C-alpha atoms as a PDB file:
ATOM      1  CA  MET A   1      18.423  -6.773   2.126  1.00  0.00           C
ATOM      2  CA  LYS A   2      15.765  -5.240   4.578  1.00  0.00           C
ATOM      3  CA  LEU A   3      15.881  -1.611   4.551  1.00  0.00           C
ATOM      4  CA  ALA A   4      14.446   0.861   6.666  1.00  0.00           C
ATOM      5  CA  THR A   5      13.840   4.309   7.236  1.00  0.00           C
ATOM      6  CA  PHE A   6      13.766   5.422  10.957  1.00  0.00           C
ATOM      7  CA  HIS A   7      13.373   8.644  13.298  1.00  0.00           C
ATOM      8  CA  GLN A   8      15.631   8.885  16.353  1.00  0.00           C
ATOM      9  CA  ASP A   9      16.820  12.249  18.101  1.00  0.00           C
ATOM     10  CA  GLY A  10      14.949  14.206  15.908  1.00  0.00           C
ATOM     11  CA  VAL A  11      16.612  13.139  12.378  1.00  0.00           C
ATOM     12  CA  SER A  12      15.310  10.505  10.091  1.00  0.00           C
ATOM     13  CA  ARG A  13      18.148   8.015   8.645  1.00  0.00           C
ATOM     14  CA  VAL A  14      18.059   4.791   6.611  1.00  0.00           C
ATOM     15  CA  GLY A  15      18.856   1.469   7.983  1.00  0.00           C
ATOM     16  CA  LEU A  16      20.143  -1.855   6.862  1.00  0.00           C
ATOM     17  CA  VAL A  17      17.657  -4.542   9.160  1.00  0.00           C
ATOM     18  CA  THR A  18      19.611  -7.704  10.065  1.00  0.00           C
ATOM     19  CA  ASP A  19      19.191 -10.379  12.939  1.00  0.00           C
ATOM     20  CA  GLN A  20      21.033  -7.907  15.018  1.00  0.00           C
ATOM     21  CA  GLY A  21      18.886  -5.221  15.053  1.00  0.00           C
ATOM     22  CA  LEU A  22      19.121  -1.858  12.770  1.00  0.00           C
ATOM     23  CA  HIS A  23      22.197  -0.389  10.958  1.00  0.00           C
ATOM     24  CA  PRO A  24      22.601   3.116  10.690  1.00  0.00           C
ATOM     25  CA  VAL A  25      23.660   3.818   6.668  1.00  0.00           C
ATOM     26  CA  PRO A  26      26.557   6.039   7.793  1.00  0.00           C
ATOM     27  CA  TRP A  27      25.724   8.920   5.654  1.00  0.00           C
ATOM     28  CA  ALA A  28      22.705  11.648   4.847  1.00  0.00           C
ATOM     29  CA  ALA A  29      20.522  10.149   2.377  1.00  0.00           C
ATOM     30  CA  THR A  30      16.745   9.050   2.184  1.00  0.00           C
ATOM     31  CA  LEU A  31      16.042   5.577   0.607  1.00  0.00           C
ATOM     32  CA  LEU A  32      14.954   7.014  -2.655  1.00  0.00           C
ATOM     33  CA  GLU A  33      18.063   9.163  -2.986  1.00  0.00           C
ATOM     34  CA  LEU A  34      19.999   5.637  -2.563  1.00  0.00           C
ATOM     35  CA  ILE A  35      18.001   4.465  -5.363  1.00  0.00           C
ATOM     36  CA  GLU A  36      17.836   6.909  -7.866  1.00  0.00           C
ATOM     37  CA  ARG A  37      21.639   6.998  -7.265  1.00  0.00           C
ATOM     38  CA  GLU A  38      21.494   3.266  -7.573  1.00  0.00           C
ATOM     39  CA  ALA A  39      23.668   3.323  -4.050  1.00  0.00           C
ATOM     40  CA  VAL A  40      21.378   1.210  -2.333  1.00  0.00           C
ATOM     41  CA  VAL A  41      23.914  -2.029  -2.122  1.00  0.00           C
ATOM     42  CA  GLN A  42      26.984   0.251  -1.248  1.00  0.00           C
ATOM     43  CA  ALA A  43      24.897   2.063   1.426  1.00  0.00           C
ATOM     44  CA  ALA A  44      24.209  -1.669   2.926  1.00  0.00           C
ATOM     45  CA  ASP A  45      27.854  -2.542   2.865  1.00  0.00           C
ATOM     46  CA  ALA A  46      28.829   0.382   4.854  1.00  0.00           C
ATOM     47  CA  ALA A  47      25.696   0.234   7.169  1.00  0.00           C
ATOM     48  CA  LEU A  48      27.153  -3.395   8.252  1.00  0.00           C
ATOM     49  CA  GLY A  49      30.186  -1.531   9.815  1.00  0.00           C
ATOM     50  CA  GLU A  50      28.163   0.358  12.062  1.00  0.00           C
ATOM     51  CA  ARG A  51      26.697  -0.445  15.488  1.00  0.00           C
ATOM     52  CA  PRO A  52      23.094  -2.058  15.097  1.00  0.00           C
ATOM     53  CA  LEU A  53      20.627  -0.348  17.020  1.00  0.00           C
ATOM     54  CA  PRO A  54      17.616  -2.332  18.948  1.00  0.00           C
ATOM     55  CA  LEU A  55      14.315  -1.849  16.659  1.00  0.00           C
ATOM     56  CA  ASP A  56      12.033  -1.075  19.249  1.00  0.00           C
ATOM     57  CA  SER A  57      14.239   2.141  20.247  1.00  0.00           C
ATOM     58  CA  VAL A  58      13.134   3.894  16.993  1.00  0.00           C
ATOM     59  CA  ARG A  59      10.298   4.857  15.264  1.00  0.00           C
ATOM     60  CA  LEU A  60      10.036   3.617  12.015  1.00  0.00           C
ATOM     61  CA  LEU A  61       8.759   5.447   9.251  1.00  0.00           C
ATOM     62  CA  PRO A  62       7.492   4.434   5.762  1.00  0.00           C
ATOM     63  CA  PRO A  63      10.556   2.985   3.889  1.00  0.00           C
ATOM     64  CA  LEU A  64      10.489   5.972   1.336  1.00  0.00           C
ATOM     65  CA  GLN A  65       8.349   9.045   0.271  1.00  0.00           C
ATOM     66  CA  PRO A  66       7.244   7.863  -3.321  1.00  0.00           C
ATOM     67  CA  SER A  67       5.994  10.666  -5.742  1.00  0.00           C
ATOM     68  CA  ALA A  68       3.657   8.773  -6.864  1.00  0.00           C
ATOM     69  CA  ILE A  69       1.209   5.384  -5.794  1.00  0.00           C
ATOM     70  CA  ARG A  70      -0.831   3.598  -8.075  1.00  0.00           C
ATOM     71  CA  ASP A  71      -2.883   1.057  -6.721  1.00  0.00           C
ATOM     72  CA  PHE A  72      -4.078  -1.651  -8.800  1.00  0.00           C
ATOM     73  CA  VAL A  73      -6.918  -4.213  -8.301  1.00  0.00           C
ATOM     74  CA  THR A  74      -5.695  -7.721  -9.062  1.00  0.00           C
ATOM     75  CA  PHE A  75      -7.184 -10.432  -6.808  1.00  0.00           C
ATOM     76  CA  GLU A  76     -10.409 -11.781  -8.351  1.00  0.00           C
ATOM     77  CA  ARG A  77     -11.709 -12.562  -5.124  1.00  0.00           C
ATOM     78  CA  HIS A  78     -11.638  -9.422  -3.415  1.00  0.00           C
ATOM     79  CA  VAL A  79     -13.409  -7.929  -6.683  1.00  0.00           C
ATOM     80  CA  GLU A  80     -16.029 -10.769  -6.776  1.00  0.00           C
ATOM     81  CA  GLY A  81     -17.095  -9.971  -3.099  1.00  0.00           C
ATOM     82  CA  ILE A  82     -17.312  -6.447  -3.555  1.00  0.00           C
ATOM     83  CA  ALA A  83     -19.599  -6.895  -6.580  1.00  0.00           C
ATOM     84  CA  ARG A  84     -21.371  -8.966  -4.815  1.00  0.00           C
ATOM     85  CA  ARG A  85     -22.355  -6.543  -1.799  1.00  0.00           C
ATOM     86  CA  PHE A  86     -23.838  -4.532  -4.136  1.00  0.00           C
ATOM     87  CA  GLY A  87     -25.771  -7.446  -6.153  1.00  0.00           C
ATOM     88  CA  ASP A  88     -23.482  -7.000  -9.053  1.00  0.00           C
ATOM     89  CA  GLU A  89     -21.074  -9.221 -10.709  1.00  0.00           C
ATOM     90  CA  VAL A  90     -17.387  -8.744 -11.790  1.00  0.00           C
ATOM     91  CA  GLY A  91     -17.580  -6.888 -14.921  1.00  0.00           C
ATOM     92  CA  PRO A  92     -15.717  -8.089 -18.162  1.00  0.00           C
ATOM     93  CA  GLU A  93     -13.715  -4.676 -18.349  1.00  0.00           C
ATOM     94  CA  TRP A  94     -11.916  -6.177 -15.288  1.00  0.00           C
ATOM     95  CA  TYR A  95     -10.525  -8.988 -16.905  1.00  0.00           C
ATOM     96  CA  GLU A  96      -9.036  -7.278 -19.560  1.00  0.00           C
ATOM     97  CA  ALA A  97      -6.032  -4.895 -18.564  1.00  0.00           C
ATOM     98  CA  PRO A  98      -5.100  -4.298 -14.636  1.00  0.00           C
ATOM     99  CA  THR A  99      -6.537  -1.257 -13.404  1.00  0.00           C
ATOM    100  CA  PHE A 100      -5.393   1.291 -11.093  1.00  0.00           C
ATOM    101  CA  TYR A 101      -6.217   4.539  -9.535  1.00  0.00           C
ATOM    102  CA  PHE A 102      -3.491   7.167  -8.248  1.00  0.00           C
ATOM    103  CA  THR A 103      -3.787   7.682  -4.628  1.00  0.00           C
ATOM    104  CA  ASN A 104      -2.109  10.097  -2.270  1.00  0.00           C
ATOM    105  CA  PRO A 105       1.842   9.822  -1.550  1.00  0.00           C
ATOM    106  CA  HIS A 106       1.796  12.758   0.986  1.00  0.00           C
ATOM    107  CA  SER A 107      -0.508  10.937   3.393  1.00  0.00           C
ATOM    108  CA  LEU A 108       1.727   7.851   4.016  1.00  0.00           C
ATOM    109  CA  ILE A 109       2.361   6.886   7.956  1.00  0.00           C
ATOM    110  CA  GLY A 110       4.518   4.505   9.168  1.00  0.00           C
ATOM    111  CA  PRO A 111       4.122   0.857   9.749  1.00  0.00           C
ATOM    112  CA  PHE A 112       2.946   1.298  13.759  1.00  0.00           C
ATOM    113  CA  ASP A 113       1.578   4.694  14.033  1.00  0.00           C
ATOM    114  CA  ASP A 114      -1.661   5.800  14.927  1.00  0.00           C
ATOM    115  CA  VAL A 115      -4.187   6.193  12.332  1.00  0.00           C
ATOM    116  CA  ARG A 116      -6.969   8.678  12.202  1.00  0.00           C
ATOM    117  CA  ILE A 117     -10.327   8.207  10.846  1.00  0.00           C
ATOM    118  CA  PRO A 118     -11.266  10.821   8.267  1.00  0.00           C
ATOM    119  CA  PRO A 119     -13.212  13.661   8.801  1.00  0.00           C
ATOM    120  CA  GLY A 120     -16.910  13.067   8.368  1.00  0.00           C
ATOM    121  CA  SER A 121     -16.445   9.278   8.002  1.00  0.00           C
ATOM    122  CA  GLU A 122     -18.183   6.260  10.344  1.00  0.00           C
ATOM    123  CA  VAL A 123     -17.306   3.386   7.729  1.00  0.00           C
ATOM    124  CA  PHE A 124     -13.643   3.393   7.789  1.00  0.00           C
ATOM    125  CA  ASP A 125     -11.920   0.366   6.957  1.00  0.00           C
ATOM    126  CA  PHE A 126      -8.436  -1.298   5.901  1.00  0.00           C
ATOM    127  CA  GLU A 127      -7.179  -3.147   2.950  1.00  0.00           C
ATOM    128  CA  LEU A 128      -4.291  -5.439   2.617  1.00  0.00           C
ATOM    129  CA  GLU A 129      -1.414  -5.581  -0.086  1.00  0.00           C
ATOM    130  CA  VAL A 130       1.612  -6.109  -1.051  1.00  0.00           C
ATOM    131  CA  ALA A 131       3.433  -2.940  -3.134  1.00  0.00           C
ATOM    132  CA  ALA A 132       6.209  -3.132  -5.477  1.00  0.00           C
ATOM    133  CA  VAL A 133       8.488  -0.324  -5.745  1.00  0.00           C
ATOM    134  CA  VAL A 134      10.357   0.848  -8.729  1.00  0.00           C
ATOM    135  CA  GLY A 135      14.164   0.956  -9.139  1.00  0.00           C
ATOM    136  CA  ARG A 136      14.805   2.471 -12.468  1.00  0.00           C
ATOM    137  CA  ALA A 137      12.701   4.423 -14.760  1.00  0.00           C
ATOM    138  CA  GLY A 138      11.488   3.019 -17.550  1.00  0.00           C
ATOM    139  CA  SER A 139       9.092   3.734 -20.503  1.00  0.00           C
ATOM    140  CA  ASP A 140       6.544   0.826 -22.676  1.00  0.00           C
ATOM    141  CA  LEU A 141       8.366  -1.628 -21.053  1.00  0.00           C
ATOM    142  CA  THR A 142       7.629  -5.457 -21.413  1.00  0.00           C
ATOM    143  CA  PRO A 143       6.722  -7.686 -18.442  1.00  0.00           C
ATOM    144  CA  GLU A 144      10.320  -9.792 -19.404  1.00  0.00           C
ATOM    145  CA  ALA A 145      12.112  -5.921 -19.039  1.00  0.00           C
ATOM    146  CA  ALA A 146       9.807  -4.874 -15.866  1.00  0.00           C
ATOM    147  CA  ARG A 147      11.327  -7.496 -13.799  1.00  0.00           C
ATOM    148  CA  GLY A 148      14.762  -5.360 -13.806  1.00  0.00           C
ATOM    149  CA  HIS A 149      12.935  -2.282 -12.929  1.00  0.00           C
ATOM    150  CA  ILE A 150      11.613  -3.322  -9.469  1.00  0.00           C
ATOM    151  CA  ILE A 151      13.589  -3.190  -6.559  1.00  0.00           C
ATOM    152  CA  GLY A 152      11.982  -4.331  -4.038  1.00  0.00           C
ATOM    153  CA  TYR A 153       8.588  -5.015  -2.090  1.00  0.00           C
ATOM    154  CA  THR A 154       6.942  -4.137   1.296  1.00  0.00           C
ATOM    155  CA  VAL A 155       3.582  -4.575   2.980  1.00  0.00           C
ATOM    156  CA  LEU A 156       0.430  -1.726   1.956  1.00  0.00           C
ATOM    157  CA  ASN A 157      -2.165  -1.214   4.091  1.00  0.00           C
ATOM    158  CA  ASP A 158      -5.003   0.943   1.967  1.00  0.00           C
ATOM    159  CA  TRP A 159      -6.662   2.544   4.386  1.00  0.00           C
ATOM    160  CA  SER A 160     -10.326   3.647   2.994  1.00  0.00           C
ATOM    161  CA  ALA A 161     -13.619   5.744   4.290  1.00  0.00           C
ATOM    162  CA  ARG A 162     -16.247   3.521   2.562  1.00  0.00           C
ATOM    163  CA  ASP A 163     -18.890   5.883   3.155  1.00  0.00           C
ATOM    164  CA  LEU A 164     -17.321   8.703   1.283  1.00  0.00           C
ATOM    165  CA  GLN A 165     -15.712   6.663  -1.127  1.00  0.00           C
ATOM    166  CA  ALA A 166     -19.729   5.191  -2.082  1.00  0.00           C
ATOM    167  CA  ARG A 167     -20.617   8.996  -2.672  1.00  0.00           C
ATOM    168  CA  GLU A 168     -17.895   9.912  -4.698  1.00  0.00           C
ATOM    169  CA  MET A 169     -18.027   7.010  -6.851  1.00  0.00           C
ATOM    170  CA  ARG A 170     -21.553   7.880  -7.827  1.00  0.00           C
ATOM    171  CA  VAL A 171     -19.665  10.759  -9.859  1.00  0.00           C
ATOM    172  CA  LYS A 172     -18.109   8.390 -11.862  1.00  0.00           C
ATOM    173  CA  LEU A 173     -14.697   9.692 -11.367  1.00  0.00           C
ATOM    174  CA  GLY A 174     -13.190   7.293  -9.251  1.00  0.00           C
ATOM    175  CA  PRO A 175     -11.828   6.945  -5.652  1.00  0.00           C
ATOM    176  CA  ALA A 176     -10.675  10.514  -4.209  1.00  0.00           C
ATOM    177  CA  LYS A 177     -11.614  11.926  -0.407  1.00  0.00           C
ATOM    178  CA  GLY A 178     -12.540   8.159   0.666  1.00  0.00           C
ATOM    179  CA  LYS A 179      -9.018   7.225   0.050  1.00  0.00           C
ATOM    180  CA  ASP A 180      -7.056  10.144   0.599  1.00  0.00           C
ATOM    181  CA  SER A 181      -6.403   9.893   4.326  1.00  0.00           C
ATOM    182  CA  ALA A 182      -3.748   7.750   5.109  1.00  0.00           C
ATOM    183  CA  SER A 183      -2.027   4.623   3.680  1.00  0.00           C
ATOM    184  CA  THR A 184       0.536   2.677   5.590  1.00  0.00           C
ATOM    185  CA  LEU A 185       3.761   1.694   4.100  1.00  0.00           C
ATOM    186  CA  GLY A 186       6.412  -0.799   5.991  1.00  0.00           C
ATOM    187  CA  PRO A 187       7.744  -2.281   7.796  1.00  0.00           C
ATOM    188  CA  TRP A 188      10.671  -2.103   5.630  1.00  0.00           C
ATOM    189  CA  LEU A 189      11.506  -2.450   1.734  1.00  0.00           C
ATOM    190  CA  VAL A 190      12.582  -5.876   0.902  1.00  0.00           C
ATOM    191  CA  THR A 191      14.668  -6.300  -2.090  1.00  0.00           C
ATOM    192  CA  ALA A 192      13.500  -8.602  -5.154  1.00  0.00           C
ATOM    193  CA  ASP A 193      16.558 -10.408  -4.850  1.00  0.00           C
ATOM    194  CA  GLU A 194      15.233 -12.009  -1.365  1.00  0.00           C
ATOM    195  CA  LEU A 195      12.080 -13.432  -2.830  1.00  0.00           C
ATOM    196  CA  GLU A 196      13.434 -15.027  -6.094  1.00  0.00           C
ATOM    197  CA  THR A 197      12.872 -18.403  -4.262  1.00  0.00           C
ATOM    198  CA  ARG A 198       9.480 -17.693  -3.627  1.00  0.00           C
ATOM    199  CA  ARG A 199       7.920 -17.755  -7.132  1.00  0.00           C
ATOM    200  CA  ASP A 200       5.773 -20.379  -8.533  1.00  0.00           C
ATOM    201  CA  ALA A 201       5.838 -21.582 -12.056  1.00  0.00           C
ATOM    202  CA  GLU A 202       4.113 -18.936 -13.313  1.00  0.00           C
ATOM    203  CA  GLY A 203       6.030 -16.113 -12.178  1.00  0.00           C
ATOM    204  CA  PHE A 204       3.927 -14.604  -9.043  1.00  0.00           C
ATOM    205  CA  LEU A 205       5.320 -14.549  -5.513  1.00  0.00           C
ATOM    206  CA  ASP A 206       3.530 -17.019  -3.173  1.00  0.00           C
ATOM    207  CA  LEU A 207       3.763 -15.133  -0.007  1.00  0.00           C
ATOM    208  CA  THR A 208       1.013 -15.740   2.959  1.00  0.00           C
ATOM    209  CA  MET A 209      -0.777 -12.529   3.741  1.00  0.00           C
ATOM    210  CA  VAL A 210      -2.879 -12.096   7.093  1.00  0.00           C
ATOM    211  CA  VAL A 211      -4.752  -9.351   8.429  1.00  0.00           C
ATOM    212  CA  ALA A 212      -6.074  -9.643  12.434  1.00  0.00           C
ATOM    213  CA  ARG A 213      -8.336  -7.154  14.065  1.00  0.00           C
ATOM    214  CA  ASN A 214      -7.406  -6.907  17.775  1.00  0.00           C
ATOM    215  CA  GLY A 215      -5.630 -10.165  17.596  1.00  0.00           C
ATOM    216  CA  ILE A 216      -8.130 -11.852  16.039  1.00  0.00           C
ATOM    217  CA  GLU A 217      -7.558 -13.342  12.645  1.00  0.00           C
ATOM    218  CA  VAL A 218     -10.301 -11.666   9.772  1.00  0.00           C
ATOM    219  CA  GLY A 219      -8.631 -12.362   6.469  1.00  0.00           C
ATOM    220  CA  ARG A 220      -5.904 -14.689   5.032  1.00  0.00           C
ATOM    221  CA  ASP A 221      -4.649 -15.189   1.067  1.00  0.00           C
ATOM    222  CA  SER A 222      -1.605 -16.081  -0.523  1.00  0.00           C
ATOM    223  CA  LEU A 223      -0.261 -13.123  -2.947  1.00  0.00           C
ATOM    224  CA  ALA A 224       0.183 -15.903  -5.754  1.00  0.00           C
ATOM    225  CA  ASN A 225      -3.617 -15.364  -6.036  1.00  0.00           C
ATOM    226  CA  MET A 226      -2.808 -12.415  -8.057  1.00  0.00           C
ATOM    227  CA  ALA A 227      -4.489 -11.911 -11.735  1.00  0.00           C
ATOM    228  CA  TRP A 228      -1.693 -10.125 -12.808  1.00  0.00           C
ATOM    229  CA  THR A 229       2.422 -10.366 -12.119  1.00  0.00           C
ATOM    230  CA  PHE A 230       3.953  -6.960 -10.292  1.00  0.00           C
ATOM    231  CA  GLU A 231       6.163  -7.362 -13.680  1.00  0.00           C
ATOM    232  CA  GLU A 232       2.837  -7.166 -15.727  1.00  0.00           C
ATOM    233  CA  MET A 233       1.362  -4.247 -14.050  1.00  0.00           C
ATOM    234  CA  VAL A 234       4.862  -2.359 -14.108  1.00  0.00           C
ATOM    235  CA  ALA A 235       4.633  -2.982 -17.874  1.00  0.00           C
ATOM    236  CA  TYR A 236       1.268  -1.733 -17.778  1.00  0.00           C
ATOM    237  CA  ALA A 237       1.982   1.272 -15.878  1.00  0.00           C
ATOM    238  CA  SER A 238       5.081   2.105 -18.166  1.00  0.00           C
ATOM    239  CA  ARG A 239       2.354   2.551 -21.164  1.00  0.00           C
ATOM    240  CA  GLY A 240       2.668   5.728 -23.143  1.00  0.00           C
ATOM    241  CA  THR A 241       4.347   7.145 -19.998  1.00  0.00           C
ATOM    242  CA  THR A 242       7.494   6.892 -17.248  1.00  0.00           C
ATOM    243  CA  VAL A 243       7.831   5.107 -14.340  1.00  0.00           C
ATOM    244  CA  ARG A 244      10.502   6.279 -11.925  1.00  0.00           C
ATOM    245  CA  PRO A 245      12.692   5.186  -9.481  1.00  0.00           C
ATOM    246  CA  GLY A 246      10.740   5.041  -6.015  1.00  0.00           C
ATOM    247  CA  ASP A 247       7.192   4.673  -7.776  1.00  0.00           C
ATOM    248  CA  VAL A 248       5.155   2.582  -5.556  1.00  0.00           C
ATOM    249  CA  LEU A 249       2.352   0.086  -7.314  1.00  0.00           C
ATOM    250  CA  GLY A 250       0.008  -1.766  -4.847  1.00  0.00           C
ATOM    251  CA  SER A 251      -1.045  -5.036  -5.637  1.00  0.00           C
ATOM    252  CA  GLY A 252      -4.780  -4.136  -4.635  1.00  0.00           C
ATOM    253  CA  THR A 253      -6.657  -5.784  -1.866  1.00  0.00           C
ATOM    254  CA  CYS A 254      -5.962  -9.634  -1.257  1.00  0.00           C
ATOM    255  CA  GLY A 255      -9.424 -11.821  -0.800  1.00  0.00           C
ATOM    256  CA  SER A 256     -10.900 -11.556   2.496  1.00  0.00           C
ATOM    257  CA  GLY A 257      -8.467  -8.644   2.869  1.00  0.00           C
ATOM    258  CA  CYS A 258     -11.160  -5.776   3.951  1.00  0.00           C
ATOM    259  CA  LEU A 259     -14.063  -5.668   5.867  1.00  0.00           C
ATOM    260  CA  ALA A 260     -16.106  -4.293   2.881  1.00  0.00           C
ATOM    261  CA  GLU A 261     -15.733  -7.665   0.742  1.00  0.00           C
ATOM    262  CA  LEU A 262     -16.371  -9.678   3.421  1.00  0.00           C
ATOM    263  CA  TRP A 263     -19.721  -7.495   4.262  1.00  0.00           C
ATOM    264  CA  GLY A 264     -20.379  -8.752   0.842  1.00  0.00           C
ATOM    265  CA  ARG A 265     -19.673 -12.258   1.701  1.00  0.00           C
ATOM    266  CA  TYR A 266     -21.168 -13.032   4.798  1.00  0.00           C
ATOM    267  CA  GLY A 267     -23.054  -9.487   5.903  1.00  0.00           C
ATOM    268  CA  THR A 268     -22.406  -7.034   8.175  1.00  0.00           C
ATOM    269  CA  GLU A 269     -23.245  -8.884  11.479  1.00  0.00           C
ATOM    270  CA  GLY A 270     -20.388  -9.143  13.812  1.00  0.00           C
ATOM    271  CA  LEU A 271     -18.116  -7.276  11.429  1.00  0.00           C
ATOM    272  CA  PRO A 272     -18.131  -3.112  12.390  1.00  0.00           C
ATOM    273  CA  PRO A 273     -16.652  -0.883  10.657  1.00  0.00           C
ATOM    274  CA  LEU A 274     -13.624   0.284  12.438  1.00  0.00           C
ATOM    275  CA  ARG A 275     -13.714   2.075  15.626  1.00  0.00           C
ATOM    276  CA  PRO A 276     -10.941   3.930  18.079  1.00  0.00           C
ATOM    277  CA  GLY A 277      -9.206   1.500  19.811  1.00  0.00           C
ATOM    278  CA  ASP A 278      -9.201  -0.977  17.057  1.00  0.00           C
ATOM    279  CA  VAL A 279      -5.990  -2.412  16.076  1.00  0.00           C
ATOM    280  CA  ILE A 280      -5.207  -3.397  12.473  1.00  0.00           C
ATOM    281  CA  THR A 281      -2.220  -5.988  12.169  1.00  0.00           C
ATOM    282  CA  MET A 282      -0.803  -7.012   9.024  1.00  0.00           C
ATOM    283  CA  THR A 283       1.487 -10.043   8.336  1.00  0.00           C
ATOM    284  CA  VAL A 284       3.181 -10.888   4.867  1.00  0.00           C
ATOM    285  CA  ASP A 285       5.615 -13.776   4.904  1.00  0.00           C
ATOM    286  CA  GLU A 286       9.241 -12.208   4.363  1.00  0.00           C
ATOM    287  CA  LEU A 287       8.128  -8.834   4.180  1.00  0.00           C
ATOM    288  CA  GLY A 288       7.101  -8.758   7.472  1.00  0.00           C
ATOM    289  CA  THR A 289       4.108  -6.913  10.069  1.00  0.00           C
ATOM    290  CA  ILE A 290       2.633  -3.611  10.154  1.00  0.00           C
ATOM    291  CA  SER A 291       0.002  -2.799  12.935  1.00  0.00           C
ATOM    292  CA  ASN A 292      -1.756   0.498  13.476  1.00  0.00           C
ATOM    293  CA  LYS A 293      -4.249   1.641  16.160  1.00  0.00           C
ATOM    294  CA  VAL A 294      -7.083   3.492  14.841  1.00  0.00           C
ATOM    295  CA  VAL A 295      -7.816   6.962  16.756  1.00  0.00           C
ATOM    296  CA  PRO A 296     -10.521   9.346  16.503  1.00  0.00           C
ATOM    297  CA  GLY A 297     -10.626  12.057  13.689  1.00  0.00           C
ATOM    298  CA  ARG A 298     -11.027  15.362  13.426  1.00  0.00           C
ATOM    299  CA  ASP A 299     -14.292  16.894  12.452  1.00  0.00           C
ATOM    300  CA  PRO A 300     -14.661  18.260   8.887  1.00  0.00           C
ATOM    301  CA  VAL A 301     -14.310  21.866   7.682  1.00  0.00           C
ATOM    302  CA  HIS A 302     -17.772  22.599   6.035  1.00  0.00           C
ATOM    303  CA  ILE A 303     -17.889  23.449   2.451  1.00  0.00           C
ATOM    304  CA  PRO A 304     -21.241  24.276   0.780  1.00  0.00           C
ATOM    305  CA  ALA A 305     -23.278  22.001  -1.462  1.00  0.00           C
ATOM    306  CA  ALA A 306     -23.166  23.244  -5.490  1.00  0.00           C
ATOM    307  CA  ARG A 307     -24.612  26.544  -6.265  1.00  0.00           C
ATOM    308  CA  ALA A 308     -27.617  26.873  -7.934  1.00  0.00           C
ATOM    309  CA  LYS A 309     -27.915  25.602 -11.639  1.00  0.00           C
ATOM    310  CA  CYS A 310     -26.641  28.771 -13.622  1.00  0.00           C
ATOM    311  CA  GLN A 311     -30.163  29.168 -16.421  1.00  0.00           C
ATOM    312  CA  GLY A 312     -27.850  31.198 -18.543  1.00  0.00           C
ATOM    313  CA  PRO A 313     -24.604  33.003 -19.845  1.00  0.00           C
ATOM    314  CA  ARG A 314     -23.646  35.593 -17.253  1.00  0.00           C
ATOM    315  CA  HIS A 315     -23.209  39.138 -18.194  1.00  0.00           C
END
């Protein structure tokens, strides 16, 4: 099944995507609510009885509004390219566990929405990823058990302000404002059962991933080149805590899936940072296509530098 969230006539609704179009679910509920109530199949069956809408007649929104987004880094080729940009090598720690950071679930944009350049950034970048969506809560899961906790997959673009990211990473706390302004999710959620025939012998999903800038391909990889499966990522995320319905887990950027990696491999000539008017289009086998136009951002609100260091206790 392909399940989308769309906006029409001032109302947000959930629909089932078929070759005939978008069949609205005939009752009010968000996709997250349907997942939490384990009512996705029931809603899809009911939607089939509804008259389909042309996909181009509605505005598609992110498929769901998650409460948490963990973004992993699981493609060695990407990590190696980024390290090369700074004259470095892949650290041994990367191989020990599927590292992730939490990103902003409130900054999601739809699959065809415009994306603003973050305030103060002059080095804006895209990142081609696939995300798994958790369907059932679980704690301390094994990878084998985790497969039953994944309800589906969608395409993720983790937009990145590289100049802001580089500055704040020197504080040794991880990405913050450099990853805070926008992430694209969509165009819809494809349920996990739809992809079982695309698994390779090691359990990885063999899906081709492509990103184009203004219609010209700049990156291509296979999702099967991840170093960890999504089941292993869910198991790791659930260690000592709980993953919950609707949680999103990003694969991390695929090989050649962003400008920063390409800069590390080939330099910046002919590969400028994103500018207003650029259109970034990402397509993943079975999951669909997202496409966002870059538009100017707002001026940053001034925040002063740190106060002078206190020389002693205040009285």
